[in-house]
Protein backbone atom coordinates (compact mmCIF):
# COMPACT_ATOMS: atom_id res chain seq x y z
CA UNK A 1 47.17 -36.71 -78.66
CA UNK A 2 43.50 -37.07 -77.89
CA UNK A 3 44.21 -40.93 -77.96
CA UNK A 4 47.21 -40.46 -75.77
CA UNK A 5 45.06 -38.02 -73.21
CA UNK A 6 42.52 -41.10 -73.08
CA UNK A 7 44.71 -43.75 -72.45
CA UNK A 8 46.16 -41.66 -69.70
CA UNK A 9 42.73 -41.10 -68.03
CA UNK A 10 41.51 -44.93 -68.55
CA UNK A 11 44.88 -45.91 -66.82
CA UNK A 12 44.33 -42.86 -63.98
CA UNK A 13 40.74 -44.64 -63.61
CA UNK A 14 42.03 -48.38 -63.44
CA UNK A 15 44.64 -47.23 -61.07
CA UNK A 16 42.68 -45.38 -58.60
CA UNK A 17 40.08 -48.30 -58.63
CA UNK A 18 42.94 -50.98 -58.06
CA UNK A 19 43.99 -48.50 -55.31
CA UNK A 20 40.35 -48.68 -54.00
CA UNK A 21 40.40 -52.51 -54.34
CA UNK A 22 43.70 -52.74 -51.69
CA UNK A 23 42.22 -50.32 -49.66
CA UNK A 24 38.98 -52.42 -49.19
CA UNK A 25 41.23 -55.46 -48.59
CA UNK A 26 43.03 -53.69 -46.12
CA UNK A 27 39.44 -52.58 -44.21
CA UNK A 28 38.57 -56.87 -44.60
CA UNK A 29 41.97 -57.28 -42.29
CA UNK A 30 41.42 -54.52 -39.73
CA UNK A 31 37.58 -55.74 -39.40
CA UNK A 32 39.15 -59.33 -38.43
CA UNK A 33 41.49 -58.02 -36.08
CA UNK A 34 38.70 -55.88 -34.63
CA UNK A 35 36.57 -59.16 -34.34
CA UNK A 36 39.45 -60.92 -32.60
CA UNK A 37 40.05 -58.21 -30.25
CA UNK A 38 36.53 -57.92 -29.39
CA UNK A 39 36.44 -61.48 -28.76
CA UNK A 40 39.31 -61.29 -26.50
CA UNK A 41 37.68 -58.56 -24.82
CA UNK A 42 34.68 -60.64 -24.08
CA UNK A 43 36.65 -63.35 -22.74
CA UNK A 44 38.47 -60.69 -20.26
CA UNK A 45 35.19 -60.14 -18.99
CA UNK A 46 33.40 -63.42 -18.75
CA UNK A 47 36.43 -64.14 -16.61
CA UNK A 48 35.58 -61.00 -14.40
CA UNK A 49 32.24 -62.27 -14.29
CA UNK A 50 33.07 -65.92 -12.84
CA UNK A 51 32.13 -66.40 -9.11
CA UNK A 52 35.65 -67.49 -8.38
CA UNK A 53 36.63 -63.95 -8.00
CA UNK A 54 34.10 -62.44 -5.37
CA UNK A 55 35.55 -61.22 -2.29
CA UNK A 56 33.00 -63.16 0.77
CA UNK A 57 33.07 -62.81 4.33
CA UNK A 58 34.41 -66.07 4.55
CA UNK A 59 37.83 -65.73 2.72
CA UNK A 60 41.29 -63.99 4.86
CA UNK A 61 42.43 -61.15 4.70
CA UNK A 62 45.58 -62.30 2.58
CA UNK A 63 43.12 -64.42 0.65
CA UNK A 64 40.96 -60.94 0.09
CA UNK A 65 43.93 -59.19 -0.88
CA UNK A 66 45.52 -61.89 -3.47
CA UNK A 67 42.19 -61.90 -4.85
CA UNK A 68 41.75 -57.90 -5.39
CA UNK A 69 45.15 -58.22 -6.67
CA UNK A 70 44.32 -60.68 -9.38
CA UNK A 71 41.55 -58.59 -10.10
CA UNK A 72 43.37 -55.53 -10.63
CA UNK A 73 45.53 -57.11 -13.18
CA UNK A 74 42.53 -58.66 -15.10
CA UNK A 75 40.98 -55.25 -15.19
CA UNK A 76 44.63 -53.83 -16.30
CA UNK A 77 44.82 -56.20 -19.08
CA UNK A 78 41.07 -55.36 -20.39
CA UNK A 79 41.66 -52.06 -20.35
CA UNK A 80 44.97 -52.70 -22.64
CA UNK A 81 42.49 -55.44 -24.92
CA UNK A 82 39.88 -52.00 -25.37
CA UNK A 83 42.52 -49.82 -26.15
CA UNK A 84 43.91 -52.38 -28.88
CA UNK A 85 40.20 -52.33 -30.22
CA UNK A 86 40.25 -48.25 -29.91
CA UNK A 87 43.73 -48.53 -32.28
CA UNK A 88 41.59 -50.75 -34.38
CA UNK A 89 38.52 -48.71 -34.81
CA UNK A 90 40.94 -45.58 -35.46
CA UNK A 91 42.74 -47.28 -38.22
CA UNK A 92 39.46 -48.59 -39.86
CA UNK A 93 38.02 -45.08 -39.95
CA UNK A 94 41.04 -43.98 -41.43
CA UNK A 95 40.96 -46.34 -44.07
CA UNK A 96 37.16 -45.20 -44.54
CA UNK A 97 38.36 -41.77 -45.38
CA UNK A 98 40.89 -43.01 -47.56
CA UNK A 99 38.26 -44.97 -49.52
CA UNK A 100 35.78 -42.07 -49.75
CA UNK A 101 38.60 -40.14 -51.17
CA UNK A 102 39.43 -42.59 -53.83
CA UNK A 103 35.69 -42.75 -54.55
CA UNK A 104 35.22 -39.01 -55.01
CA UNK A 105 38.72 -39.02 -57.15
CA UNK A 106 36.92 -41.91 -59.26
CA UNK A 107 33.55 -39.98 -59.56
CA UNK A 108 35.93 -36.85 -60.47
CA UNK A 109 37.70 -38.70 -63.24
CA UNK A 110 34.36 -40.03 -64.36
CA UNK A 111 32.54 -37.12 -64.53
CA UNK A 112 35.18 -35.57 -66.29
CA UNK A 113 35.67 -37.72 -68.81
CA UNK A 114 31.69 -37.53 -69.41
CA UNK A 115 32.15 -33.80 -69.54
CA UNK A 116 34.72 -33.95 -72.07
CA UNK A 117 32.93 -36.49 -74.53
CA UNK A 118 29.74 -34.04 -74.51
CA UNK A 119 31.88 -30.78 -75.43
CA UNK A 120 30.93 -29.51 -78.78
CA UNK A 121 33.74 -29.74 -81.27
CA UNK A 122 35.73 -26.21 -81.27
CA UNK A 123 35.26 -24.45 -84.10
CA UNK A 124 38.65 -24.62 -85.48
CA UNK A 125 38.25 -28.46 -85.43
CA UNK A 126 35.09 -28.29 -87.47
CA UNK A 127 36.84 -25.95 -89.99
CA UNK A 128 39.81 -28.31 -90.50
CA UNK A 129 37.49 -31.42 -90.99
CA UNK A 130 35.52 -29.80 -94.21
């Protein structure tokens, strides 16, 4: 019976370690997604910084309106992109919380196993072996 319990603990430990591995792969994919989102946002900001969008006194009212409408659209695009970045960060946070819980489970399994190996044999067990 003790051998079956030992095998069960080992299987639980290995399964939980595998879950941690998969969660880390998820986190890596989320980080890559976040980097792509940040890069896209930076390109959008760079476009906003470009001199061709500046409204100067030399432009007509129609040109000024066109420039400002285009600028407003680009700012809306930027706002959506920042929302995507925020969602990526939220997903990463949730993955990290799952990782922390998984590590705590592994630690508990290892600690419980260690305590079980350190416990002295029960008096009944000692009597049976004599």
